[in-house]
Amino acid sequence: MERFECDKCGACCQGSLIVEADDLDVMREPRLIAGDESQGDRSVEQVVREIQTEGKIVLLACGSACAFPCGRQSLFDLSHSPELLCRHAGGR
């Protein structure tokens, strides 16, 4: 699969796409957990274990905008954004 670099257009964050993080994403950037309200205050270890054993995910956007402001006053460095975001071409 071809790898795309994020152009910071914000299309993935507007809610029209499903954006999720898996165990590797969470281990690489634990602050992603904060983007999924259903995770509450679970630890990285708890979230990773649930992803690996129960097939759960960290849902960042689905039908509504994600919690992260996409490179503008960002909570995390976009170079550590979910692998999923790096697999899709950006667009406006």
C-alpha atoms as a PDB file:
ATOM      1  CA  MET A   1       0.000   0.000   0.000  1.00  0.00           C
ATOM      2  CA  GLU A   2       1.310   3.428  -0.922  1.00  0.00           C
ATOM      3  CA  ARG A   3       2.091   5.697   2.018  1.00  0.00           C
ATOM      4  CA  PHE A   4       0.803   9.280   2.008  1.00  0.00           C
ATOM      5  CA  GLU A   5       1.967  12.183   4.125  1.00  0.00           C
ATOM      6  CA  CYS A   6      -0.636  14.210   5.965  1.00  0.00           C
ATOM      7  CA  ASP A   7      -1.280  17.536   4.251  1.00  0.00           C
ATOM      8  CA  LYS A   8      -3.132  18.781   7.367  1.00  0.00           C
ATOM      9  CA  CYS A   9      -6.294  19.530   5.384  1.00  0.00           C
ATOM     10  CA  GLY A  10      -8.524  18.292   8.202  1.00  0.00           C
ATOM     11  CA  ALA A  11     -10.734  16.046   6.033  1.00  0.00           C
ATOM     12  CA  CYS A  12     -10.191  13.062   8.324  1.00  0.00           C
ATOM     13  CA  CYS A  13     -11.203  15.086  11.370  1.00  0.00           C
ATOM     14  CA  GLN A  14     -14.499  16.485  10.112  1.00  0.00           C
ATOM     15  CA  GLY A  15     -16.429  13.329  10.924  1.00  0.00           C
ATOM     16  CA  SER A  16     -17.190  12.128   7.411  1.00  0.00           C
ATOM     17  CA  LEU A  17     -14.570   9.378   7.743  1.00  0.00           C
ATOM     18  CA  ILE A  18     -14.165   6.726  10.414  1.00  0.00           C
ATOM     19  CA  VAL A  19     -10.791   7.295  12.069  1.00  0.00           C
ATOM     20  CA  GLU A  20      -9.576   4.752  14.581  1.00  0.00           C
ATOM     21  CA  ALA A  21      -6.347   3.926  16.369  1.00  0.00           C
ATOM     22  CA  ASP A  22      -5.099   0.434  17.119  1.00  0.00           C
ATOM     23  CA  ASP A  23      -2.747  -0.936  19.768  1.00  0.00           C
ATOM     24  CA  LEU A  24       0.441   0.162  17.984  1.00  0.00           C
ATOM     25  CA  ASP A  25      -0.906   3.694  17.571  1.00  0.00           C
ATOM     26  CA  VAL A  26      -1.806   3.905  21.265  1.00  0.00           C
ATOM     27  CA  MET A  27       1.565   2.547  22.372  1.00  0.00           C
ATOM     28  CA  ARG A  28       3.337   5.060  20.120  1.00  0.00           C
ATOM     29  CA  GLU A  29       1.117   7.998  21.163  1.00  0.00           C
ATOM     30  CA  PRO A  30      -0.826   7.396  24.396  1.00  0.00           C
ATOM     31  CA  ARG A  31      -2.581  10.775  24.158  1.00  0.00           C
ATOM     32  CA  LEU A  32      -4.757   9.292  21.403  1.00  0.00           C
ATOM     33  CA  ILE A  33      -6.805   7.650  24.156  1.00  0.00           C
ATOM     34  CA  ALA A  34      -8.110  11.098  25.115  1.00  0.00           C
ATOM     35  CA  GLY A  35      -9.700  11.376  21.657  1.00  0.00           C
ATOM     36  CA  ASP A  36     -12.179   8.596  22.456  1.00  0.00           C
ATOM     37  CA  GLU A  37     -14.617   9.599  25.206  1.00  0.00           C
ATOM     38  CA  SER A  38     -15.620   5.964  25.759  1.00  0.00           C
ATOM     39  CA  GLN A  39     -12.129   5.150  27.040  1.00  0.00           C
ATOM     40  CA  GLY A  40     -12.596   7.251  30.167  1.00  0.00           C
ATOM     41  CA  ASP A  41      -9.434   7.332  32.232  1.00  0.00           C
ATOM     42  CA  ARG A  42      -8.159   3.872  31.284  1.00  0.00           C
ATOM     43  CA  SER A  43      -4.419   3.353  31.279  1.00  0.00           C
ATOM     44  CA  VAL A  44      -2.450   2.638  28.114  1.00  0.00           C
ATOM     45  CA  GLU A  45      -1.984  -0.942  29.312  1.00  0.00           C
ATOM     46  CA  GLN A  46      -5.730  -1.435  29.791  1.00  0.00           C
ATOM     47  CA  VAL A  47      -6.587   0.014  26.389  1.00  0.00           C
ATOM     48  CA  VAL A  48      -3.893  -1.991  24.591  1.00  0.00           C
ATOM     49  CA  ARG A  49      -5.012  -5.205  26.329  1.00  0.00           C
ATOM     50  CA  GLU A  50      -8.656  -4.595  25.294  1.00  0.00           C
ATOM     51  CA  ILE A  51      -7.610  -3.924  21.711  1.00  0.00           C
ATOM     52  CA  GLN A  52      -5.486  -7.066  21.567  1.00  0.00           C
ATOM     53  CA  THR A  53      -7.834  -9.457  23.390  1.00  0.00           C
ATOM     54  CA  GLU A  54     -11.326  -8.099  22.751  1.00  0.00           C
ATOM     55  CA  GLY A  55     -10.895  -6.536  19.308  1.00  0.00           C
ATOM     56  CA  LYS A  56     -11.751  -3.050  20.569  1.00  0.00           C
ATOM     57  CA  ILE A  57     -10.430   0.153  18.997  1.00  0.00           C
ATOM     58  CA  VAL A  58      -9.869   3.775  19.950  1.00  0.00           C
ATOM     59  CA  LEU A  59     -12.427   5.686  17.902  1.00  0.00           C
ATOM     60  CA  LEU A  60     -11.212   9.175  17.011  1.00  0.00           C
ATOM     61  CA  ALA A  61     -13.870  10.274  14.526  1.00  0.00           C
ATOM     62  CA  CYS A  62     -17.114   8.794  13.224  1.00  0.00           C
ATOM     63  CA  GLY A  63     -20.015  11.021  12.294  1.00  0.00           C
ATOM     64  CA  SER A  64     -18.630  13.992  14.204  1.00  0.00           C
ATOM     65  CA  ALA A  65     -15.356  15.879  14.290  1.00  0.00           C
ATOM     66  CA  CYS A  66     -12.468  14.340  16.201  1.00  0.00           C
ATOM     67  CA  ALA A  67     -11.231  15.858  19.445  1.00  0.00           C
ATOM     68  CA  PHE A  68      -7.853  16.878  18.042  1.00  0.00           C
ATOM     69  CA  PRO A  69      -7.431  20.221  16.244  1.00  0.00           C
ATOM     70  CA  CYS A  70      -5.393  18.780  13.355  1.00  0.00           C
ATOM     71  CA  GLY A  71      -2.054  20.500  13.555  1.00  0.00           C
ATOM     72  CA  ARG A  72      -3.337  23.812  14.869  1.00  0.00           C
ATOM     73  CA  GLN A  73      -2.629  23.945  18.623  1.00  0.00           C
ATOM     74  CA  SER A  74      -2.441  20.163  18.334  1.00  0.00           C
ATOM     75  CA  LEU A  75      -2.450  17.922  21.381  1.00  0.00           C
ATOM     76  CA  PHE A  76       0.072  15.680  19.714  1.00  0.00           C
ATOM     77  CA  ASP A  77       2.700  15.883  17.005  1.00  0.00           C
ATOM     78  CA  LEU A  78       1.151  14.918  13.656  1.00  0.00           C
ATOM     79  CA  SER A  79       4.287  12.936  12.848  1.00  0.00           C
ATOM     80  CA  HIS A  80       2.970  10.485  15.455  1.00  0.00           C
ATOM     81  CA  SER A  81      -0.597  10.447  14.146  1.00  0.00           C
ATOM     82  CA  PRO A  82      -2.376   7.120  13.703  1.00  0.00           C
ATOM     83  CA  GLU A  83      -0.941   4.840  11.053  1.00  0.00           C
ATOM     84  CA  LEU A  84      -4.369   4.778   9.449  1.00  0.00           C
ATOM     85  CA  LEU A  85      -4.121   8.479   8.634  1.00  0.00           C
ATOM     86  CA  CYS A  86      -0.833   7.897   6.824  1.00  0.00           C
ATOM     87  CA  ARG A  87      -2.413   5.330   4.506  1.00  0.00           C
ATOM     88  CA  HIS A  88      -4.948   7.630   2.892  1.00  0.00           C
ATOM     89  CA  ALA A  89      -4.421  10.589   0.639  1.00  0.00           C
ATOM     90  CA  GLY A  90      -5.611  13.849   2.090  1.00  0.00           C
ATOM     91  CA  GLY A  91      -8.027  16.068   0.271  1.00  0.00           C
ATOM     92  CA  ARG A  92     -10.328  18.985   0.688  1.00  0.00           C
END
